[in-house]
Amino acid sequence: MIVLVTYDITNPKRLVRTHKFLKEFGINTQKSVFECDIDDVALKRIRNYCRDNLDLSSDAFRIHKICSRCIKKVIISGQGLKITQLDYAVI
């Protein structure tokens, strides 16, 4: 599934750790935005990370699931790739 992860984290150390963590799952397409092609297990890992590592009283973290029909309608202006344009293999 394709998910869009956005976040606004108040503590610089938590921000850096979260950014590094999310790099395992997708592409950093904007400063606080990741586009990820993940399965349910990875989604659960991300949600557990948020629960265990973020201060949910001051940090914001959103996960938006993007349906296959909607991902085809994504419009990119300027530089960038759609996550569906990536070619990779899991070894």
PDB file of N, CA and C in Angstrom:
ATOM      1  N   MET A   1       0.848  -1.172   0.000  1.00  0.00           N
ATOM      2  CA  MET A   1       0.000   0.000   0.000  1.00  0.00           C
ATOM      3  C   MET A   1       0.891   1.232   0.000  1.00  0.00           C
ATOM      4  N   ILE A   2       0.396   2.282  -0.601  1.00  0.00           N
ATOM      5  CA  ILE A   2       1.114   3.551  -0.616  1.00  0.00           C
ATOM      6  C   ILE A   2       0.572   4.410   0.530  1.00  0.00           C
ATOM      7  N   VAL A   3       1.487   4.926   1.348  1.00  0.00           N
ATOM      8  CA  VAL A   3       1.086   5.821   2.428  1.00  0.00           C
ATOM      9  C   VAL A   3       1.918   7.090   2.359  1.00  0.00           C
ATOM     10  N   LEU A   4       1.299   8.160   2.759  1.00  0.00           N
ATOM     11  CA  LEU A   4       1.956   9.455   2.875  1.00  0.00           C
ATOM     12  C   LEU A   4       2.086   9.732   4.366  1.00  0.00           C
ATOM     13  N   VAL A   5       3.308   9.921   4.826  1.00  0.00           N
ATOM     14  CA  VAL A   5       3.571  10.177   6.238  1.00  0.00           C
ATOM     15  C   VAL A   5       4.016  11.626   6.376  1.00  0.00           C
ATOM     16  N   THR A   6       3.327  12.368   7.221  1.00  0.00           N
ATOM     17  CA  THR A   6       3.702  13.750   7.491  1.00  0.00           C
ATOM     18  C   THR A   6       3.875  13.921   8.994  1.00  0.00           C
ATOM     19  N   TYR A   7       4.772  14.817   9.361  1.00  0.00           N
ATOM     20  CA  TYR A   7       5.018  14.998  10.786  1.00  0.00           C
ATOM     21  C   TYR A   7       5.502  16.400  11.087  1.00  0.00           C
ATOM     22  N   ASP A   8       5.263  16.809  12.308  1.00  0.00           N
ATOM     23  CA  ASP A   8       5.755  18.067  12.861  1.00  0.00           C
ATOM     24  C   ASP A   8       6.196  17.739  14.280  1.00  0.00           C
ATOM     25  N   ILE A   9       7.498  17.635  14.478  1.00  0.00           N
ATOM     26  CA  ILE A   9       8.044  17.180  15.752  1.00  0.00           C
ATOM     27  C   ILE A   9       8.795  18.334  16.403  1.00  0.00           C
ATOM     28  N   THR A  10       8.464  18.607  17.664  1.00  0.00           N
ATOM     29  CA  THR A  10       8.956  19.799  18.349  1.00  0.00           C
ATOM     30  C   THR A  10      10.386  19.686  18.858  1.00  0.00           C
ATOM     31  N   ASN A  11      10.837  18.499  19.174  1.00  0.00           N
ATOM     32  CA  ASN A  11      12.173  18.314  19.740  1.00  0.00           C
ATOM     33  C   ASN A  11      13.151  17.929  18.622  1.00  0.00           C
ATOM     34  N   PRO A  12      14.256  18.677  18.457  1.00  0.00           N
ATOM     35  CA  PRO A  12      15.204  18.389  17.370  1.00  0.00           C
ATOM     36  C   PRO A  12      15.765  16.967  17.382  1.00  0.00           C
ATOM     37  N   LYS A  13      16.055  16.418  18.556  1.00  0.00           N
ATOM     38  CA  LYS A  13      16.592  15.048  18.623  1.00  0.00           C
ATOM     39  C   LYS A  13      15.548  14.036  18.159  1.00  0.00           C
ATOM     40  N   ARG A  14      14.306  14.186  18.601  1.00  0.00           N
ATOM     41  CA  ARG A  14      13.232  13.287  18.158  1.00  0.00           C
ATOM     42  C   ARG A  14      12.993  13.433  16.659  1.00  0.00           C
ATOM     43  N   LEU A  15      13.102  14.660  16.169  1.00  0.00           N
ATOM     44  CA  LEU A  15      12.918  14.929  14.745  1.00  0.00           C
ATOM     45  C   LEU A  15      13.952  14.168  13.912  1.00  0.00           C
ATOM     46  N   VAL A  16      15.217  14.262  14.289  1.00  0.00           N
ATOM     47  CA  VAL A  16      16.291  13.579  13.555  1.00  0.00           C
ATOM     48  C   VAL A  16      16.117  12.064  13.636  1.00  0.00           C
ATOM     49  N   ARG A  17      15.809  11.550  14.823  1.00  0.00           N
ATOM     50  CA  ARG A  17      15.621  10.096  14.977  1.00  0.00           C
ATOM     51  C   ARG A  17      14.451   9.598  14.137  1.00  0.00           C
ATOM     52  N   THR A  18      13.362  10.351  14.121  1.00  0.00           N
ATOM     53  CA  THR A  18      12.187   9.956  13.353  1.00  0.00           C
ATOM     54  C   THR A  18      12.490   9.985  11.864  1.00  0.00           C
ATOM     55  N   HIS A  19      13.183  11.010  11.418  1.00  0.00           N
ATOM     56  CA  HIS A  19      13.560  11.111  10.006  1.00  0.00           C
ATOM     57  C   HIS A  19      14.410   9.909   9.590  1.00  0.00           C
ATOM     58  N   LYS A  20      15.415   9.571  10.386  1.00  0.00           N
ATOM     59  CA  LYS A  20      16.274   8.411  10.094  1.00  0.00           C
ATOM     60  C   LYS A  20      15.460   7.118  10.082  1.00  0.00           C
ATOM     61  N   PHE A  21      14.545   6.979  11.021  1.00  0.00           N
ATOM     62  CA  PHE A  21      13.702   5.785  11.086  1.00  0.00           C
ATOM     63  C   PHE A  21      12.854   5.645   9.825  1.00  0.00           C
ATOM     64  N   LEU A  22      12.238   6.742   9.401  1.00  0.00           N
ATOM     65  CA  LEU A  22      11.339   6.688   8.243  1.00  0.00           C
ATOM     66  C   LEU A  22      12.076   6.437   6.929  1.00  0.00           C
ATOM     67  N   LYS A  23      13.375   6.736   6.877  1.00  0.00           N
ATOM     68  CA  LYS A  23      14.156   6.479   5.666  1.00  0.00           C
ATOM     69  C   LYS A  23      14.187   4.990   5.327  1.00  0.00           C
ATOM     70  N   GLU A  24      13.943   4.129   6.311  1.00  0.00           N
ATOM     71  CA  GLU A  24      13.880   2.682   6.078  1.00  0.00           C
ATOM     72  C   GLU A  24      12.652   2.282   5.261  1.00  0.00           C
ATOM     73  N   PHE A  25      11.641   3.152   5.226  1.00  0.00           N
ATOM     74  CA  PHE A  25      10.351   2.780   4.663  1.00  0.00           C
ATOM     75  C   PHE A  25       9.981   3.486   3.368  1.00  0.00           C
ATOM     76  N   GLY A  26      10.601   4.624   3.090  1.00  0.00           N
ATOM     77  CA  GLY A  26      10.174   5.346   1.907  1.00  0.00           C
ATOM     78  C   GLY A  26      11.105   6.462   1.507  1.00  0.00           C
ATOM     79  N   ILE A  27      10.572   7.327   0.670  1.00  0.00           N
ATOM     80  CA  ILE A  27      11.327   8.435   0.108  1.00  0.00           C
ATOM     81  C   ILE A  27      10.906   9.733   0.784  1.00  0.00           C
ATOM     82  N   ASN A  28      11.894  10.505   1.176  1.00  0.00           N
ATOM     83  CA  ASN A  28      11.663  11.808   1.787  1.00  0.00           C
ATOM     84  C   ASN A  28      11.420  12.810   0.666  1.00  0.00           C
ATOM     85  N   THR A  29      10.155  13.098   0.357  1.00  0.00           N
ATOM     86  CA  THR A  29       9.817  13.938  -0.782  1.00  0.00           C
ATOM     87  C   THR A  29       9.692  15.416  -0.440  1.00  0.00           C
ATOM     88  N   GLN A  30       9.528  15.740   0.808  1.00  0.00           N
ATOM     89  CA  GLN A  30       9.494  17.117   1.306  1.00  0.00           C
ATOM     90  C   GLN A  30      10.178  17.090   2.673  1.00  0.00           C
ATOM     91  N   LYS A  31      10.355  18.241   3.299  1.00  0.00           N
ATOM     92  CA  LYS A  31      11.097  18.280   4.566  1.00  0.00           C
ATOM     93  C   LYS A  31      10.521  17.346   5.621  1.00  0.00           C
ATOM     94  N   SER A  32       9.239  17.326   5.808  1.00  0.00           N
ATOM     95  CA  SER A  32       8.617  16.485   6.831  1.00  0.00           C
ATOM     96  C   SER A  32       7.571  15.569   6.212  1.00  0.00           C
ATOM     97  N   VAL A  33       7.889  15.054   5.034  1.00  0.00           N
ATOM     98  CA  VAL A  33       6.959  14.189   4.304  1.00  0.00           C
ATOM     99  C   VAL A  33       7.711  13.003   3.723  1.00  0.00           C
ATOM    100  N   PHE A  34       7.170  11.818   3.948  1.00  0.00           N
ATOM    101  CA  PHE A  34       7.691  10.607   3.328  1.00  0.00           C
ATOM    102  C   PHE A  34       6.583   9.933   2.539  1.00  0.00           C
ATOM    103  N   GLU A  35       6.925   9.418   1.367  1.00  0.00           N
ATOM    104  CA  GLU A  35       6.020   8.584   0.593  1.00  0.00           C
ATOM    105  C   GLU A  35       6.567   7.167   0.671  1.00  0.00           C
ATOM    106  N   CYS A  36       5.711   6.239   1.093  1.00  0.00           N
ATOM    107  CA  CYS A  36       6.162   4.879   1.369  1.00  0.00           C
ATOM    108  C   CYS A  36       5.280   3.857   0.658  1.00  0.00           C
ATOM    109  N   ASP A  37       5.907   2.835   0.132  1.00  0.00           N
ATOM    110  CA  ASP A  37       5.206   1.677  -0.424  1.00  0.00           C
ATOM    111  C   ASP A  37       5.474   0.536   0.552  1.00  0.00           C
ATOM    112  N   ILE A  38       4.527   0.287   1.449  1.00  0.00           N
ATOM    113  CA  ILE A  38       4.762  -0.637   2.562  1.00  0.00           C
ATOM    114  C   ILE A  38       3.605  -1.630   2.708  1.00  0.00           C
ATOM    115  N   ASP A  39       3.845  -2.644   3.522  1.00  0.00           N
ATOM    116  CA  ASP A  39       2.794  -3.608   3.836  1.00  0.00           C
ATOM    117  C   ASP A  39       2.263  -3.341   5.244  1.00  0.00           C
ATOM    118  N   ASP A  40       1.325  -4.165   5.681  1.00  0.00           N
ATOM    119  CA  ASP A  40       0.710  -3.968   6.999  1.00  0.00           C
ATOM    120  C   ASP A  40       1.706  -4.100   8.144  1.00  0.00           C
ATOM    121  N   VAL A  41       2.699  -4.972   7.992  1.00  0.00           N
ATOM    122  CA  VAL A  41       3.705  -5.159   9.044  1.00  0.00           C
ATOM    123  C   VAL A  41       4.525  -3.885   9.220  1.00  0.00           C
ATOM    124  N   ALA A  42       4.936  -3.278   8.112  1.00  0.00           N
ATOM    125  CA  ALA A  42       5.713  -2.038   8.181  1.00  0.00           C
ATOM    126  C   ALA A  42       4.864  -0.905   8.757  1.00  0.00           C
ATOM    127  N   LEU A  43       3.609  -0.858   8.360  1.00  0.00           N
ATOM    128  CA  LEU A  43       2.713   0.169   8.896  1.00  0.00           C
ATOM    129  C   LEU A  43       2.597   0.031  10.415  1.00  0.00           C
ATOM    130  N   LYS A  44       2.498  -1.179  10.884  1.00  0.00           N
ATOM    131  CA  LYS A  44       2.428  -1.412  12.327  1.00  0.00           C
ATOM    132  C   LYS A  44       3.722  -0.974  13.018  1.00  0.00           C
ATOM    133  N   ARG A  45       4.871  -1.227  12.393  1.00  0.00           N
ATOM    134  CA  ARG A  45       6.152  -0.785  12.964  1.00  0.00           C
ATOM    135  C   ARG A  45       6.195   0.735  13.091  1.00  0.00           C
ATOM    136  N   ILE A  46       5.715   1.426  12.066  1.00  0.00           N
ATOM    137  CA  ILE A  46       5.703   2.891  12.100  1.00  0.00           C
ATOM    138  C   ILE A  46       4.789   3.385  13.214  1.00  0.00           C
ATOM    139  N   ARG A  47       3.611   2.803  13.311  1.00  0.00           N
ATOM    140  CA  ARG A  47       2.671   3.226  14.361  1.00  0.00           C
ATOM    141  C   ARG A  47       3.229   2.952  15.753  1.00  0.00           C
ATOM    142  N   ASN A  48       3.877   1.803  15.930  1.00  0.00           N
ATOM    143  CA  ASN A  48       4.482   1.483  17.224  1.00  0.00           C
ATOM    144  C   ASN A  48       5.621   2.448  17.554  1.00  0.00           C
ATOM    145  N   TYR A  49       6.396   2.809  16.543  1.00  0.00           N
ATOM    146  CA  TYR A  49       7.475   3.778  16.757  1.00  0.00           C
ATOM    147  C   TYR A  49       6.902   5.097  17.275  1.00  0.00           C
ATOM    148  N   CYS A  50       5.839   5.548  16.660  1.00  0.00           N
ATOM    149  CA  CYS A  50       5.201   6.802  17.091  1.00  0.00           C
ATOM    150  C   CYS A  50       4.751   6.714  18.535  1.00  0.00           C
ATOM    151  N   ARG A  51       4.077   5.654  18.849  1.00  0.00           N
ATOM    152  CA  ARG A  51       3.568   5.473  20.212  1.00  0.00           C
ATOM    153  C   ARG A  51       4.707   5.468  21.227  1.00  0.00           C
ATOM    154  N   ASP A  52       5.823   4.813  20.886  1.00  0.00           N
ATOM    155  CA  ASP A  52       6.903   4.620  21.837  1.00  0.00           C
ATOM    156  C   ASP A  52       7.916   5.764  21.881  1.00  0.00           C
ATOM    157  N   ASN A  53       8.014   6.578  20.829  1.00  0.00           N
ATOM    158  CA  ASN A  53       9.109   7.538  20.744  1.00  0.00           C
ATOM    159  C   ASN A  53       8.714   9.003  20.614  1.00  0.00           C
ATOM    160  N   LEU A  54       7.465   9.278  20.322  1.00  0.00           N
ATOM    161  CA  LEU A  54       7.056  10.665  20.143  1.00  0.00           C
ATOM    162  C   LEU A  54       6.289  11.163  21.364  1.00  0.00           C
ATOM    163  N   ASP A  55       6.288  12.477  21.531  1.00  0.00           N
ATOM    164  CA  ASP A  55       5.497  13.104  22.575  1.00  0.00           C
ATOM    165  C   ASP A  55       4.202  13.560  21.915  1.00  0.00           C
ATOM    166  N   LEU A  56       3.180  12.742  22.001  1.00  0.00           N
ATOM    167  CA  LEU A  56       1.941  13.006  21.279  1.00  0.00           C
ATOM    168  C   LEU A  56       1.157  14.192  21.835  1.00  0.00           C
ATOM    169  N   SER A  57       1.621  14.757  22.948  1.00  0.00           N
ATOM    170  CA  SER A  57       0.983  15.985  23.444  1.00  0.00           C
ATOM    171  C   SER A  57       1.536  17.225  22.740  1.00  0.00           C
ATOM    172  N   SER A  58       2.714  17.105  22.116  1.00  0.00           N
ATOM    173  CA  SER A  58       3.293  18.267  21.427  1.00  0.00           C
ATOM    174  C   SER A  58       3.698  17.982  19.978  1.00  0.00           C
ATOM    175  N   ASP A  59       3.858  16.723  19.611  1.00  0.00           N
ATOM    176  CA  ASP A  59       4.239  16.347  18.246  1.00  0.00           C
ATOM    177  C   ASP A  59       2.994  15.976  17.447  1.00  0.00           C
ATOM    178  N   ALA A  60       3.096  16.123  16.132  1.00  0.00           N
ATOM    179  CA  ALA A  60       2.011  15.703  15.236  1.00  0.00           C
ATOM    180  C   ALA A  60       2.580  14.701  14.242  1.00  0.00           C
ATOM    181  N   PHE A  61       1.836  13.649  13.979  1.00  0.00           N
ATOM    182  CA  PHE A  61       2.266  12.598  13.059  1.00  0.00           C
ATOM    183  C   PHE A  61       1.021  12.070  12.362  1.00  0.00           C
ATOM    184  N   ARG A  62       1.014  12.086  11.039  1.00  0.00           N
ATOM    185  CA  ARG A  62      -0.153  11.632  10.283  1.00  0.00           C
ATOM    186  C   ARG A  62       0.263  10.605   9.246  1.00  0.00           C
ATOM    187  N   ILE A  63      -0.577   9.606   9.090  1.00  0.00           N
ATOM    188  CA  ILE A  63      -0.388   8.578   8.070  1.00  0.00           C
ATOM    189  C   ILE A  63      -1.631   8.581   7.200  1.00  0.00           C
ATOM    190  N   HIS A  64      -1.434   8.848   5.915  1.00  0.00           N
ATOM    191  CA  HIS A  64      -2.539   8.876   4.967  1.00  0.00           C
ATOM    192  C   HIS A  64      -2.376   7.703   4.004  1.00  0.00           C
ATOM    193  N   LYS A  65      -3.329   6.797   3.978  1.00  0.00           N
ATOM    194  CA  LYS A  65      -3.305   5.709   3.001  1.00  0.00           C
ATOM    195  C   LYS A  65      -3.816   6.260   1.670  1.00  0.00           C
ATOM    196  N   ILE A  66      -3.091   5.957   0.596  1.00  0.00           N
ATOM    197  CA  ILE A  66      -3.455   6.428  -0.735  1.00  0.00           C
ATOM    198  C   ILE A  66      -3.872   5.206  -1.561  1.00  0.00           C
ATOM    199  N   CYS A  67      -5.100   5.210  -2.033  1.00  0.00           N
ATOM    200  CA  CYS A  67      -5.590   4.059  -2.804  1.00  0.00           C
ATOM    201  C   CYS A  67      -4.915   4.021  -4.178  1.00  0.00           C
ATOM    202  N   SER A  68      -4.907   2.865  -4.810  1.00  0.00           N
ATOM    203  CA  SER A  68      -4.243   2.706  -6.102  1.00  0.00           C
ATOM    204  C   SER A  68      -4.878   3.591  -7.172  1.00  0.00           C
ATOM    205  N   ARG A  69      -6.164   3.822  -7.086  1.00  0.00           N
ATOM    206  CA  ARG A  69      -6.834   4.692  -8.051  1.00  0.00           C
ATOM    207  C   ARG A  69      -6.390   6.145  -7.856  1.00  0.00           C
ATOM    208  N   CYS A  70      -6.243   6.550  -6.608  1.00  0.00           N
ATOM    209  CA  CYS A  70      -5.859   7.936  -6.311  1.00  0.00           C
ATOM    210  C   CYS A  70      -4.393   8.214  -6.625  1.00  0.00           C
ATOM    211  N   ILE A  71      -3.512   7.234  -6.427  1.00  0.00           N
ATOM    212  CA  ILE A  71      -2.082   7.467  -6.665  1.00  0.00           C
ATOM    213  C   ILE A  71      -1.836   7.809  -8.128  1.00  0.00           C
ATOM    214  N   LYS A  72      -2.677   7.313  -9.015  1.00  0.00           N
ATOM    215  CA  LYS A  72      -2.539   7.613 -10.444  1.00  0.00           C
ATOM    216  C   LYS A  72      -2.894   9.063 -10.748  1.00  0.00           C
ATOM    217  N   LYS A  73      -3.593   9.723  -9.840  1.00  0.00           N
ATOM    218  CA  LYS A  73      -4.021  11.106 -10.035  1.00  0.00           C
ATOM    219  C   LYS A  73      -3.077  12.123  -9.410  1.00  0.00           C
ATOM    220  N   VAL A  74      -1.995  11.651  -8.794  1.00  0.00           N
ATOM    221  CA  VAL A  74      -1.051  12.561  -8.160  1.00  0.00           C
ATOM    222  C   VAL A  74      -0.399  13.434  -9.232  1.00  0.00           C
ATOM    223  N   ILE A  75      -0.347  14.713  -8.963  1.00  0.00           N
ATOM    224  CA  ILE A  75       0.270  15.668  -9.881  1.00  0.00           C
ATOM    225  C   ILE A  75       1.508  16.246  -9.194  1.00  0.00           C
ATOM    226  N   ILE A  76       2.631  16.177  -9.877  1.00  0.00           N
ATOM    227  CA  ILE A  76       3.868  16.730  -9.336  1.00  0.00           C
ATOM    228  C   ILE A  76       4.263  17.921 -10.192  1.00  0.00           C
ATOM    229  N   SER A  77       4.452  19.048  -9.559  1.00  0.00           N
ATOM    230  CA  SER A  77       4.962  20.233 -10.248  1.00  0.00           C
ATOM    231  C   SER A  77       6.402  20.430  -9.813  1.00  0.00           C
ATOM    232  N   GLY A  78       7.268  20.685 -10.745  1.00  0.00           N
ATOM    233  CA  GLY A  78       8.680  20.832 -10.410  1.00  0.00           C
ATOM    234  C   GLY A  78       9.356  19.483 -10.367  1.00  0.00           C
ATOM    235  N   GLN A  79      10.394  19.384  -9.560  1.00  0.00           N
ATOM    236  CA  GLN A  79      11.188  18.165  -9.505  1.00  0.00           C
ATOM    237  C   GLN A  79      10.501  17.126  -8.631  1.00  0.00           C
ATOM    238  N   GLY A  80      10.789  15.875  -8.903  1.00  0.00           N
ATOM    239  CA  GLY A  80      10.277  14.812  -8.054  1.00  0.00           C
ATOM    240  C   GLY A  80       9.798  13.622  -8.844  1.00  0.00           C
ATOM    241  N   LEU A  81       9.738  12.506  -8.158  1.00  0.00           N
ATOM    242  CA  LEU A  81       9.245  11.261  -8.716  1.00  0.00           C
ATOM    243  C   LEU A  81       8.025  10.820  -7.947  1.00  0.00           C
ATOM    244  N   LYS A  82       7.118  10.146  -8.624  1.00  0.00           N
ATOM    245  CA  LYS A  82       6.047   9.463  -7.921  1.00  0.00           C
ATOM    246  C   LYS A  82       6.640   8.174  -7.373  1.00  0.00           C
ATOM    247  N   ILE A  83       6.176   7.770  -6.228  1.00  0.00           N
ATOM    248  CA  ILE A  83       6.716   6.544  -5.630  1.00  0.00           C
ATOM    249  C   ILE A  83       6.455   5.348  -6.530  1.00  0.00           C
ATOM    250  N   THR A  84       5.432   5.402  -7.338  1.00  0.00           N
ATOM    251  CA  THR A  84       5.122   4.295  -8.253  1.00  0.00           C
ATOM    252  C   THR A  84       6.093   4.243  -9.425  1.00  0.00           C
ATOM    253  N   GLN A  85       6.946   5.251  -9.594  1.00  0.00           N
ATOM    254  CA  GLN A  85       7.929   5.257 -10.664  1.00  0.00           C
ATOM    255  C   GLN A  85       9.224   4.570 -10.255  1.00  0.00           C
ATOM    256  N   LEU A  86       9.351   4.216  -9.019  1.00  0.00           N
ATOM    257  CA  LEU A  86      10.583   3.590  -8.546  1.00  0.00           C
ATOM    258  C   LEU A  86      10.640   2.146  -8.984  1.00  0.00           C
ATOM    259  N   ASP A  87      11.821   1.704  -9.310  1.00  0.00           N
ATOM    260  CA  ASP A  87      12.056   0.318  -9.695  1.00  0.00           C
ATOM    261  C   ASP A  87      13.044  -0.267  -8.696  1.00  0.00           C
ATOM    262  N   TYR A  88      12.600  -1.242  -7.927  1.00  0.00           N
ATOM    263  CA  TYR A  88      13.469  -1.832  -6.947  1.00  0.00           C
ATOM    264  C   TYR A  88      13.076  -3.292  -6.754  1.00  0.00           C
ATOM    265  N   ALA A  89      13.995  -4.027  -6.158  1.00  0.00           N
ATOM    266  CA  ALA A  89      13.753  -5.436  -5.882  1.00  0.00           C
ATOM    267  C   ALA A  89      14.149  -5.722  -4.443  1.00  0.00           C
ATOM    268  N   VAL A  90      13.370  -6.518  -3.771  1.00  0.00           N
ATOM    269  CA  VAL A  90      13.666  -6.945  -2.413  1.00  0.00           C
ATOM    270  C   VAL A  90      14.461  -8.231  -2.496  1.00  0.00           C
ATOM    271  N   ILE A  91      15.637  -8.228  -1.885  1.00  0.00           N
ATOM    272  CA  ILE A  91      16.514  -9.411  -1.949  1.00  0.00           C
ATOM    273  C   ILE A  91      16.508 -10.119  -0.610  1.00  0.00           C
TER     274      ILE A  91
END
